[in-house]
Every structure is written in C-alpha cells, then in structure tokens.
C-alpha cells in the first residue's frame, strides 16, 4: 500500500477552507485516481509538539492507494486540474510526500 500525504503550512493570511477540502477537493482527487485509491484522511492541525504550541500545518490530507502505477498515471492525466483546485481552498503552498506504508 502507498500513501500520498499533502501538508499545508500556515501562511500570514492562514486561509484554509476545510469544508471545501473535505467535501469537494479530496473526493475529486480520489475519483481521479480511480479504483486504486482505497480512501483518504484529513487532519486539522490544532497544536505542535506541546499543547498550546502552534501546529506546523493547518491541514494534512492523505490518500491511500494500492498501485504506484495507477497513482502516477492519474497524476500525469489530472495533476494540473488537481493543483489548479488548490486555490479554491487555501493560499498555502502544499508540501507533498509519497510513502510506502510498512505497517498499520
């Protein structure tokens, strides 16, 4: 299993529309990846390493998928559309990591 994690660091304006991200963006991305995508999670940052400290990310989205080939093909075909949608919910520059899930 593989995971694409997208992290959104806070910005001076700190704009992030969580409802849009959960209800529109993530389902659209999941649909574009297709059957290989087995689900997604969305985290809303509330604190850093200690209660009351600022969260290093406003939000973190993760997509779980079975095939790197399917993910790569979907991103090649739909990546520009997916990235163009980012402006609809945030002004933050996302940081992305793709991982192989080893446990869990």
PDB file of N, CA and C in Angstrom:
ATOM      1  N   UNK A   1       0.862  -1.172   0.000  1.00  0.00           N
ATOM      2  CA  UNK A   1       0.000   0.000   0.000  1.00  0.00           C
ATOM      3  C   UNK A   1       0.901   1.225   0.000  1.00  0.00           C
ATOM      4  N   UNK A   2       0.402   2.296  -0.612  1.00  0.00           N
ATOM      5  CA  UNK A   2       1.148   3.541  -0.716  1.00  0.00           C
ATOM      6  C   UNK A   2       0.285   4.690  -0.201  1.00  0.00           C
ATOM      7  N   UNK A   3       0.954   5.780   0.166  1.00  0.00           N
ATOM      8  CA  UNK A   3       0.230   6.933   0.691  1.00  0.00           C
ATOM      9  C   UNK A   3       0.833   8.213   0.131  1.00  0.00           C
ATOM     10  N   UNK A   4      -0.029   9.083  -0.348  1.00  0.00           N
ATOM     11  CA  UNK A   4       0.371  10.434  -0.740  1.00  0.00           C
ATOM     12  C   UNK A   4      -0.126  11.367   0.355  1.00  0.00           C
ATOM     13  N   UNK A   5       0.808  12.043   1.008  1.00  0.00           N
ATOM     14  CA  UNK A   5       0.478  12.968   2.087  1.00  0.00           C
ATOM     15  C   UNK A   5       0.752  14.387   1.611  1.00  0.00           C
ATOM     16  N   UNK A   6      -0.221  15.257   1.801  1.00  0.00           N
ATOM     17  CA  UNK A   6      -0.083  16.653   1.408  1.00  0.00           C
ATOM     18  C   UNK A   6      -0.281  17.496   2.665  1.00  0.00           C
ATOM     19  N   UNK A   7       0.755  18.286   2.995  1.00  0.00           N
ATOM     20  CA  UNK A   7       0.750  19.090   4.217  1.00  0.00           C
ATOM     21  C   UNK A   7       0.697  20.566   3.842  1.00  0.00           C
ATOM     22  N   UNK A   8      -0.107  21.317   4.572  1.00  0.00           N
ATOM     23  CA  UNK A   8      -0.333  22.724   4.278  1.00  0.00           C
ATOM     24  C   UNK A   8       0.195  23.584   5.431  1.00  0.00           C
ATOM     25  N   UNK A   9       1.397  24.168   5.262  1.00  0.00           N
ATOM     26  CA  UNK A   9       1.925  25.025   6.324  1.00  0.00           C
ATOM     27  C   UNK A   9       1.116  26.320   6.436  1.00  0.00           C
ATOM     28  N   UNK A  10       1.055  26.875   7.646  1.00  0.00           N
ATOM     29  CA  UNK A  10       0.323  28.135   7.796  1.00  0.00           C
ATOM     30  C   UNK A  10       1.009  29.265   7.044  1.00  0.00           C
ATOM     31  N   UNK A  11       0.216  30.219   6.626  1.00  0.00           N
ATOM     32  CA  UNK A  11       0.724  31.414   5.953  1.00  0.00           C
ATOM     33  C   UNK A  11       0.292  32.630   6.759  1.00  0.00           C
ATOM     34  N   UNK A  12       0.765  33.787   6.358  1.00  0.00           N
ATOM     35  CA  UNK A  12       0.396  35.003   7.091  1.00  0.00           C
ATOM     36  C   UNK A  12      -1.122  35.228   7.069  1.00  0.00           C
ATOM     37  N   UNK A  13      -1.778  34.849   5.980  1.00  0.00           N
ATOM     38  CA  UNK A  13      -3.237  35.009   5.918  1.00  0.00           C
ATOM     39  C   UNK A  13      -3.963  33.782   6.460  1.00  0.00           C
ATOM     40  N   UNK A  14      -3.260  32.644   6.540  1.00  0.00           N
ATOM     41  CA  UNK A  14      -3.791  31.411   7.140  1.00  0.00           C
ATOM     42  C   UNK A  14      -5.179  31.021   6.626  1.00  0.00           C
ATOM     43  N   UNK A  15      -5.383  31.151   5.318  1.00  0.00           N
ATOM     44  CA  UNK A  15      -6.687  30.796   4.745  1.00  0.00           C
ATOM     45  C   UNK A  15      -6.707  29.313   4.387  1.00  0.00           C
ATOM     46  N   UNK A  16      -7.670  28.592   4.951  1.00  0.00           N
ATOM     47  CA  UNK A  16      -7.867  27.195   4.592  1.00  0.00           C
ATOM     48  C   UNK A  16      -9.346  26.875   4.781  1.00  0.00           C
ATOM     49  N   UNK A  17     -10.024  26.517   3.700  1.00  0.00           N
ATOM     50  CA  UNK A  17     -11.457  26.190   3.738  1.00  0.00           C
ATOM     51  C   UNK A  17     -11.592  24.675   3.914  1.00  0.00           C
ATOM     52  N   UNK A  18     -11.675  24.264   5.162  1.00  0.00           N
ATOM     53  CA  UNK A  18     -11.712  22.832   5.485  1.00  0.00           C
ATOM     54  C   UNK A  18     -12.932  22.149   4.875  1.00  0.00           C
ATOM     55  N   UNK A  19     -14.082  22.793   4.881  1.00  0.00           N
ATOM     56  CA  UNK A  19     -15.295  22.182   4.321  1.00  0.00           C
ATOM     57  C   UNK A  19     -15.106  21.897   2.827  1.00  0.00           C
ATOM     58  N   UNK A  20     -14.549  22.856   2.100  1.00  0.00           N
ATOM     59  CA  UNK A  20     -14.311  22.645   0.666  1.00  0.00           C
ATOM     60  C   UNK A  20     -13.333  21.490   0.464  1.00  0.00           C
ATOM     61  N   UNK A  21     -12.268  21.469   1.252  1.00  0.00           N
ATOM     62  CA  UNK A  21     -11.238  20.436   1.122  1.00  0.00           C
ATOM     63  C   UNK A  21     -11.823  19.041   1.344  1.00  0.00           C
ATOM     64  N   UNK A  22     -12.630  18.894   2.391  1.00  0.00           N
ATOM     65  CA  UNK A  22     -13.220  17.592   2.731  1.00  0.00           C
ATOM     66  C   UNK A  22     -14.333  17.205   1.761  1.00  0.00           C
ATOM     67  N   UNK A  23     -15.206  18.146   1.450  1.00  0.00           N
ATOM     68  CA  UNK A  23     -16.404  17.824   0.667  1.00  0.00           C
ATOM     69  C   UNK A  23     -16.203  17.829  -0.847  1.00  0.00           C
ATOM     70  N   UNK A  24     -15.213  18.585  -1.330  1.00  0.00           N
ATOM     71  CA  UNK A  24     -15.055  18.709  -2.784  1.00  0.00           C
ATOM     72  C   UNK A  24     -13.688  18.266  -3.287  1.00  0.00           C
ATOM     73  N   UNK A  25     -12.618  18.835  -2.705  1.00  0.00           N
ATOM     74  CA  UNK A  25     -11.286  18.552  -3.255  1.00  0.00           C
ATOM     75  C   UNK A  25     -10.877  17.094  -3.088  1.00  0.00           C
ATOM     76  N   UNK A  26     -10.900  16.591  -1.873  1.00  0.00           N
ATOM     77  CA  UNK A  26     -10.425  15.220  -1.648  1.00  0.00           C
ATOM     78  C   UNK A  26     -11.273  14.174  -2.386  1.00  0.00           C
ATOM     79  N   UNK A  27     -12.601  14.273  -2.408  1.00  0.00           N
ATOM     80  CA  UNK A  27     -13.370  13.315  -3.208  1.00  0.00           C
ATOM     81  C   UNK A  27     -13.044  13.399  -4.706  1.00  0.00           C
ATOM     82  N   UNK A  28     -12.788  14.614  -5.219  1.00  0.00           N
ATOM     83  CA  UNK A  28     -12.419  14.772  -6.624  1.00  0.00           C
ATOM     84  C   UNK A  28     -11.091  14.081  -6.904  1.00  0.00           C
ATOM     85  N   UNK A  29     -10.106  14.283  -6.024  1.00  0.00           N
ATOM     86  CA  UNK A  29      -8.802  13.646  -6.210  1.00  0.00           C
ATOM     87  C   UNK A  29      -8.946  12.130  -6.149  1.00  0.00           C
ATOM     88  N   UNK A  30      -9.703  11.630  -5.181  1.00  0.00           N
ATOM     89  CA  UNK A  30      -9.935  10.182  -5.055  1.00  0.00           C
ATOM     90  C   UNK A  30     -10.565   9.628  -6.330  1.00  0.00           C
ATOM     91  N   UNK A  31     -11.527  10.330  -6.867  1.00  0.00           N
ATOM     92  CA  UNK A  31     -12.188   9.879  -8.099  1.00  0.00           C
ATOM     93  C   UNK A  31     -11.221   9.874  -9.273  1.00  0.00           C
ATOM     94  N   UNK A  32     -10.341  10.872  -9.343  1.00  0.00           N
ATOM     95  CA  UNK A  32      -9.374  10.933 -10.448  1.00  0.00           C
ATOM     96  C   UNK A  32      -8.365   9.790 -10.371  1.00  0.00           C
ATOM     97  N   UNK A  33      -7.980   9.398  -9.162  1.00  0.00           N
ATOM     98  CA  UNK A  33      -7.043   8.278  -9.009  1.00  0.00           C
ATOM     99  C   UNK A  33      -7.725   6.973  -9.380  1.00  0.00           C
ATOM    100  N   UNK A  34      -9.015   6.871  -9.104  1.00  0.00           N
ATOM    101  CA  UNK A  34      -9.773   5.696  -9.504  1.00  0.00           C
ATOM    102  C   UNK A  34      -9.778   4.596  -8.463  1.00  0.00           C
ATOM    103  N   UNK A  35     -10.043   3.392  -8.915  1.00  0.00           N
ATOM    104  CA  UNK A  35     -10.250   2.252  -8.018  1.00  0.00           C
ATOM    105  C   UNK A  35      -9.029   1.918  -7.176  1.00  0.00           C
ATOM    106  N   UNK A  36      -7.854   2.322  -7.610  1.00  0.00           N
ATOM    107  CA  UNK A  36      -6.648   2.060  -6.824  1.00  0.00           C
ATOM    108  C   UNK A  36      -6.647   2.826  -5.507  1.00  0.00           C
ATOM    109  N   UNK A  37      -7.394   3.934  -5.440  1.00  0.00           N
ATOM    110  CA  UNK A  37      -7.456   4.738  -4.217  1.00  0.00           C
ATOM    111  C   UNK A  37      -8.449   4.093  -3.261  1.00  0.00           C
ATOM    112  N   UNK A  38      -7.953   3.654  -2.114  1.00  0.00           N
ATOM    113  CA  UNK A  38      -8.809   2.948  -1.162  1.00  0.00           C
ATOM    114  C   UNK A  38      -9.388   3.864  -0.087  1.00  0.00           C
ATOM    115  N   UNK A  39      -8.988   5.117  -0.078  1.00  0.00           N
ATOM    116  CA  UNK A  39      -9.563   6.045   0.883  1.00  0.00           C
ATOM    117  C   UNK A  39      -8.657   7.235   1.133  1.00  0.00           C
ATOM    118  N   UNK A  40      -9.159   8.154   1.960  1.00  0.00           N
ATOM    119  CA  UNK A  40      -8.367   9.320   2.324  1.00  0.00           C
ATOM    120  C   UNK A  40      -8.683   9.727   3.746  1.00  0.00           C
ATOM    121  N   UNK A  41      -7.753  10.472   4.330  1.00  0.00           N
ATOM    122  CA  UNK A  41      -7.953  11.066   5.647  1.00  0.00           C
ATOM    123  C   UNK A  41      -7.625  12.546   5.550  1.00  0.00           C
ATOM    124  N   UNK A  42      -8.211  13.324   6.457  1.00  0.00           N
ATOM    125  CA  UNK A  42      -7.930  14.748   6.551  1.00  0.00           C
ATOM    126  C   UNK A  42      -7.736  15.084   8.025  1.00  0.00           C
ATOM    127  N   UNK A  43      -6.607  15.717   8.334  1.00  0.00           N
ATOM    128  CA  UNK A  43      -6.312  16.162   9.698  1.00  0.00           C
ATOM    129  C   UNK A  43      -6.341  17.685   9.726  1.00  0.00           C
ATOM    130  N   UNK A  44      -6.912  18.246  10.783  1.00  0.00           N
ATOM    131  CA  UNK A  44      -6.897  19.685  11.000  1.00  0.00           C
ATOM    132  C   UNK A  44      -5.932  19.961  12.147  1.00  0.00           C
ATOM    133  N   UNK A  45      -4.852  20.710  11.858  1.00  0.00           N
ATOM    134  CA  UNK A  45      -3.831  20.969  12.869  1.00  0.00           C
ATOM    135  C   UNK A  45      -4.360  21.802  14.018  1.00  0.00           C
ATOM    136  N   UNK A  46      -4.080  21.343  15.246  1.00  0.00           N
ATOM    137  CA  UNK A  46      -4.524  22.100  16.424  1.00  0.00           C
ATOM    138  C   UNK A  46      -3.373  22.494  17.350  1.00  0.00           C
ATOM    139  N   UNK A  47      -2.238  21.779  17.273  1.00  0.00           N
ATOM    140  CA  UNK A  47      -1.091  22.130  18.127  1.00  0.00           C
ATOM    141  C   UNK A  47       0.156  21.470  17.579  1.00  0.00           C
ATOM    142  N   UNK A  48       1.301  21.976  18.034  1.00  0.00           N
ATOM    143  CA  UNK A  48       2.581  21.367  17.685  1.00  0.00           C
ATOM    144  C   UNK A  48       2.927  20.270  18.674  1.00  0.00           C
ATOM    145  N   UNK A  49       4.185  20.185  19.049  1.00  0.00           N
ATOM    146  CA  UNK A  49       4.645  19.116  19.936  1.00  0.00           C
ATOM    147  C   UNK A  49       4.168  19.230  21.366  1.00  0.00           C
ATOM    148  N   UNK A  50       3.637  20.370  21.744  1.00  0.00           N
ATOM    149  CA  UNK A  50       3.117  20.567  23.096  1.00  0.00           C
ATOM    150  C   UNK A  50       1.770  21.277  23.003  1.00  0.00           C
ATOM    151  N   UNK A  51       0.845  20.937  23.903  1.00  0.00           N
ATOM    152  CA  UNK A  51      -0.439  21.635  23.892  1.00  0.00           C
ATOM    153  C   UNK A  51      -0.238  23.149  23.951  1.00  0.00           C
ATOM    154  N   UNK A  52      -0.956  23.861  23.118  1.00  0.00           N
ATOM    155  CA  UNK A  52      -0.873  25.301  23.088  1.00  0.00           C
ATOM    156  C   UNK A  52       0.166  25.851  22.124  1.00  0.00           C
ATOM    157  N   UNK A  53       1.071  25.002  21.650  1.00  0.00           N
ATOM    158  CA  UNK A  53       2.054  25.470  20.672  1.00  0.00           C
ATOM    159  C   UNK A  53       1.404  25.456  19.295  1.00  0.00           C
ATOM    160  N   UNK A  54       1.852  26.326  18.382  1.00  0.00           N
ATOM    161  CA  UNK A  54       1.217  26.371  17.065  1.00  0.00           C
ATOM    162  C   UNK A  54       1.468  25.094  16.259  1.00  0.00           C
ATOM    163  N   UNK A  55       0.464  24.674  15.539  1.00  0.00           N
ATOM    164  CA  UNK A  55       0.589  23.497  14.673  1.00  0.00           C
ATOM    165  C   UNK A  55       1.489  23.835  13.495  1.00  0.00           C
ATOM    166  N   UNK A  56       2.392  22.934  13.117  1.00  0.00           N
ATOM    167  CA  UNK A  56       3.259  23.205  11.976  1.00  0.00           C
ATOM    168  C   UNK A  56       2.510  23.173  10.641  1.00  0.00           C
ATOM    169  N   UNK A  57       1.313  22.575  10.636  1.00  0.00           N
ATOM    170  CA  UNK A  57       0.497  22.512   9.420  1.00  0.00           C
ATOM    171  C   UNK A  57      -0.944  22.843   9.771  1.00  0.00           C
ATOM    172  N   UNK A  58      -1.595  23.626   8.895  1.00  0.00           N
ATOM    173  CA  UNK A  58      -3.016  23.936   9.076  1.00  0.00           C
ATOM    174  C   UNK A  58      -3.848  22.689   8.847  1.00  0.00           C
ATOM    175  N   UNK A  59      -3.429  21.903   7.862  1.00  0.00           N
ATOM    176  CA  UNK A  59      -4.163  20.699   7.489  1.00  0.00           C
ATOM    177  C   UNK A  59      -3.185  19.710   6.860  1.00  0.00           C
ATOM    178  N   UNK A  60      -3.549  18.433   6.962  1.00  0.00           N
ATOM    179  CA  UNK A  60      -2.793  17.369   6.308  1.00  0.00           C
ATOM    180  C   UNK A  60      -3.818  16.428   5.679  1.00  0.00           C
ATOM    181  N   UNK A  61      -3.659  16.199   4.391  1.00  0.00           N
ATOM    182  CA  UNK A  61      -4.512  15.250   3.686  1.00  0.00           C
ATOM    183  C   UNK A  61      -3.674  14.060   3.257  1.00  0.00           C
ATOM    184  N   UNK A  62      -4.264  12.881   3.320  1.00  0.00           N
ATOM    185  CA  UNK A  62      -3.547  11.679   2.894  1.00  0.00           C
ATOM    186  C   UNK A  62      -4.475  10.806   2.061  1.00  0.00           C
ATOM    187  N   UNK A  63      -3.945  10.295   0.965  1.00  0.00           N
ATOM    188  CA  UNK A  63      -4.658   9.361   0.097  1.00  0.00           C
ATOM    189  C   UNK A  63      -3.943   8.021   0.172  1.00  0.00           C
ATOM    190  N   UNK A  64      -4.690   6.962   0.392  1.00  0.00           N
ATOM    191  CA  UNK A  64      -4.138   5.619   0.395  1.00  0.00           C
ATOM    192  C   UNK A  64      -4.469   4.961  -0.931  1.00  0.00           C
ATOM    193  N   UNK A  65      -3.460   4.345  -1.539  1.00  0.00           N
ATOM    194  CA  UNK A  65      -3.696   3.714  -2.826  1.00  0.00           C
ATOM    195  C   UNK A  65      -2.857   2.454  -2.959  1.00  0.00           C
ATOM    196  N   UNK A  66      -3.323   1.560  -3.816  1.00  0.00           N
ATOM    197  CA  UNK A  66      -2.706   0.251  -3.967  1.00  0.00           C
ATOM    198  C   UNK A  66      -1.604   0.203  -5.012  1.00  0.00           C
ATOM    199  N   UNK A  67      -1.643   1.069  -5.995  1.00  0.00           N
ATOM    200  CA  UNK A  67      -0.727   0.964  -7.125  1.00  0.00           C
ATOM    201  C   UNK A  67      -0.038   2.288  -7.411  1.00  0.00           C
ATOM    202  N   UNK A  68       1.290   2.285  -7.367  1.00  0.00           N
ATOM    203  CA  UNK A  68       2.050   3.478  -7.747  1.00  0.00           C
ATOM    204  C   UNK A  68       1.823   3.808  -9.220  1.00  0.00           C
ATOM    205  N   UNK A  69       1.681   2.772 -10.046  1.00  0.00           N
ATOM    206  CA  UNK A  69       1.441   2.997 -11.471  1.00  0.00           C
ATOM    207  C   UNK A  69       0.128   3.732 -11.698  1.00  0.00           C
ATOM    208  N   UNK A  70      -0.930   3.308 -11.006  1.00  0.00           N
ATOM    209  CA  UNK A  70      -2.229   3.961 -11.159  1.00  0.00           C
ATOM    210  C   UNK A  70      -2.177   5.395 -10.647  1.00  0.00           C
ATOM    211  N   UNK A  71      -1.499   5.610  -9.521  1.00  0.00           N
ATOM    212  CA  UNK A  71      -1.361   6.964  -8.978  1.00  0.00           C
ATOM    213  C   UNK A  71      -0.582   7.845  -9.953  1.00  0.00           C
ATOM    214  N   UNK A  72       0.521   7.327 -10.456  1.00  0.00           N
ATOM    215  CA  UNK A  72       1.333   8.086 -11.410  1.00  0.00           C
ATOM    216  C   UNK A  72       0.570   8.438 -12.668  1.00  0.00           C
ATOM    217  N   UNK A  73      -0.187   7.483 -13.183  1.00  0.00           N
ATOM    218  CA  UNK A  73      -0.978   7.729 -14.395  1.00  0.00           C
ATOM    219  C   UNK A  73      -2.055   8.776 -14.129  1.00  0.00           C
ATOM    220  N   UNK A  74      -2.705   8.685 -12.971  1.00  0.00           N
ATOM    221  CA  UNK A  74      -3.753   9.653 -12.630  1.00  0.00           C
ATOM    222  C   UNK A  74      -3.160  11.046 -12.474  1.00  0.00           C
ATOM    223  N   UNK A  75      -1.998  11.155 -11.848  1.00  0.00           N
ATOM    224  CA  UNK A  75      -1.370  12.467 -11.675  1.00  0.00           C
ATOM    225  C   UNK A  75      -0.892  13.028 -13.013  1.00  0.00           C
ATOM    226  N   UNK A  76      -0.406  12.156 -13.880  1.00  0.00           N
ATOM    227  CA  UNK A  76       0.017  12.620 -15.208  1.00  0.00           C
ATOM    228  C   UNK A  76      -1.182  13.160 -15.990  1.00  0.00           C
ATOM    229  N   UNK A  77      -2.318  12.469 -15.879  1.00  0.00           N
ATOM    230  CA  UNK A  77      -3.513  12.856 -16.626  1.00  0.00           C
ATOM    231  C   UNK A  77      -4.262  14.029 -15.988  1.00  0.00           C
ATOM    232  N   UNK A  78      -4.276  14.091 -14.643  1.00  0.00           N
ATOM    233  CA  UNK A  78      -5.147  15.051 -13.958  1.00  0.00           C
ATOM    234  C   UNK A  78      -4.410  15.981 -12.990  1.00  0.00           C
ATOM    235  N   UNK A  79      -3.098  15.879 -12.913  1.00  0.00           N
ATOM    236  CA  UNK A  79      -2.336  16.667 -11.946  1.00  0.00           C
ATOM    237  C   UNK A  79      -2.548  18.159 -12.060  1.00  0.00           C
ATOM    238  N   UNK A  80      -2.592  18.687 -13.267  1.00  0.00           N
ATOM    239  CA  UNK A  80      -2.770  20.137 -13.410  1.00  0.00           C
ATOM    240  C   UNK A  80      -4.158  20.563 -12.932  1.00  0.00           C
ATOM    241  N   UNK A  81      -5.176  19.754 -13.189  1.00  0.00           N
ATOM    242  CA  UNK A  81      -6.536  20.050 -12.720  1.00  0.00           C
ATOM    243  C   UNK A  81      -6.596  19.996 -11.193  1.00  0.00           C
ATOM    244  N   UNK A  82      -5.956  18.980 -10.617  1.00  0.00           N
ATOM    245  CA  UNK A  82      -5.928  18.834  -9.159  1.00  0.00           C
ATOM    246  C   UNK A  82      -5.214  20.029  -8.531  1.00  0.00           C
ATOM    247  N   UNK A  83      -4.066  20.396  -9.051  1.00  0.00           N
ATOM    248  CA  UNK A  83      -3.301  21.512  -8.494  1.00  0.00           C
ATOM    249  C   UNK A  83      -4.022  22.850  -8.700  1.00  0.00           C
ATOM    250  N   UNK A  84      -4.747  23.002  -9.798  1.00  0.00           N
ATOM    251  CA  UNK A  84      -5.487  24.242 -10.043  1.00  0.00           C
ATOM    252  C   UNK A  84      -6.590  24.445  -9.002  1.00  0.00           C
ATOM    253  N   UNK A  85      -7.091  23.352  -8.435  1.00  0.00           N
ATOM    254  CA  UNK A  85      -8.165  23.442  -7.449  1.00  0.00           C
ATOM    255  C   UNK A  85      -7.674  23.929  -6.090  1.00  0.00           C
ATOM    256  N   UNK A  86      -6.371  23.860  -5.847  1.00  0.00           N
ATOM    257  CA  UNK A  86      -5.814  24.264  -4.552  1.00  0.00           C
ATOM    258  C   UNK A  86      -6.215  25.692  -4.201  1.00  0.00           C
ATOM    259  N   UNK A  87      -6.214  26.589  -5.167  1.00  0.00           N
ATOM    260  CA  UNK A  87      -6.563  27.990  -4.913  1.00  0.00           C
ATOM    261  C   UNK A  87      -7.988  28.159  -4.396  1.00  0.00           C
ATOM    262  N   UNK A  88      -8.844  27.165  -4.601  1.00  0.00           N
ATOM    263  CA  UNK A  88     -10.223  27.255  -4.123  1.00  0.00           C
ATOM    264  C   UNK A  88     -10.349  27.072  -2.615  1.00  0.00           C
ATOM    265  N   UNK A  89      -9.310  26.531  -1.958  1.00  0.00           N
ATOM    266  CA  UNK A  89      -9.428  26.309  -0.521  1.00  0.00           C
ATOM    267  C   UNK A  89      -8.266  26.840   0.312  1.00  0.00           C
ATOM    268  N   UNK A  90      -7.139  27.216  -0.304  1.00  0.00           N
ATOM    269  CA  UNK A  90      -6.038  27.729   0.504  1.00  0.00           C
ATOM    270  C   UNK A  90      -5.107  28.621  -0.309  1.00  0.00           C
ATOM    271  N   UNK A  91      -4.353  29.432   0.420  1.00  0.00           N
ATOM    272  CA  UNK A  91      -3.272  30.208  -0.179  1.00  0.00           C
ATOM    273  C   UNK A  91      -1.914  29.644   0.249  1.00  0.00           C
ATOM    274  N   UNK A  92      -1.929  28.549   0.983  1.00  0.00           N
ATOM    275  CA  UNK A  92      -0.710  27.892   1.440  1.00  0.00           C
ATOM    276  C   UNK A  92      -0.087  27.086   0.300  1.00  0.00           C
ATOM    277  N   UNK A  93       1.225  26.998   0.287  1.00  0.00           N
ATOM    278  CA  UNK A  93       1.929  26.191  -0.714  1.00  0.00           C
ATOM    279  C   UNK A  93       2.061  24.767  -0.153  1.00  0.00           C
ATOM    280  N   UNK A  94       1.373  23.786  -0.726  1.00  0.00           N
ATOM    281  CA  UNK A  94       1.405  22.440  -0.153  1.00  0.00           C
ATOM    282  C   UNK A  94       2.768  21.774  -0.304  1.00  0.00           C
ATOM    283  N   UNK A  95       3.077  20.923   0.669  1.00  0.00           N
ATOM    284  CA  UNK A  95       4.274  20.087   0.672  1.00  0.00           C
ATOM    285  C   UNK A  95       3.783  18.650   0.550  1.00  0.00           C
ATOM    286  N   UNK A  96       4.336  17.895  -0.403  1.00  0.00           N
ATOM    287  CA  UNK A  96       3.833  16.542  -0.656  1.00  0.00           C
ATOM    288  C   UNK A  96       4.916  15.500  -0.409  1.00  0.00           C
ATOM    289  N   UNK A  97       4.486  14.370   0.122  1.00  0.00           N
ATOM    290  CA  UNK A  97       5.371  13.215   0.280  1.00  0.00           C
ATOM    291  C   UNK A  97       4.614  11.971  -0.123  1.00  0.00           C
ATOM    292  N   UNK A  98       5.271  11.099  -0.881  1.00  0.00           N
ATOM    293  CA  UNK A  98       4.696   9.799  -1.218  1.00  0.00           C
ATOM    294  C   UNK A  98       5.499   8.749  -0.453  1.00  0.00           C
ATOM    295  N   UNK A  99       4.767   7.859   0.211  1.00  0.00           N
ATOM    296  CA  UNK A  99       5.389   6.862   1.073  1.00  0.00           C
ATOM    297  C   UNK A  99       4.858   5.477   0.764  1.00  0.00           C
ATOM    298  N   UNK A 100       5.654   4.483   1.089  1.00  0.00           N
ATOM    299  CA  UNK A 100       5.168   3.108   1.111  1.00  0.00           C
ATOM    300  C   UNK A 100       4.801   2.802   2.538  1.00  0.00           C
ATOM    301  N   UNK A 101       3.569   2.364   2.756  1.00  0.00           N
ATOM    302  CA  UNK A 101       3.086   2.063   4.101  1.00  0.00           C
ATOM    303  C   UNK A 101       3.646   0.706   4.511  1.00  0.00           C
ATOM    304  N   UNK A 102       4.352   0.657   5.606  1.00  0.00           N
ATOM    305  CA  UNK A 102       5.024  -0.560   6.058  1.00  0.00           C
ATOM    306  C   UNK A 102       4.276  -1.277   7.173  1.00  0.00           C
ATOM    307  N   UNK A 103       3.415  -0.583   7.873  1.00  0.00           N
ATOM    308  CA  UNK A 103       2.660  -1.192   8.978  1.00  0.00           C
ATOM    309  C   UNK A 103       1.350  -0.451   9.156  1.00  0.00           C
ATOM    310  N   UNK A 104       0.422  -1.087   9.840  1.00  0.00           N
ATOM    311  CA  UNK A 104      -0.836  -0.422  10.155  1.00  0.00           C
ATOM    312  C   UNK A 104      -1.882  -0.910   9.314  1.00  0.00           C
TER     313      UNK A 104
END
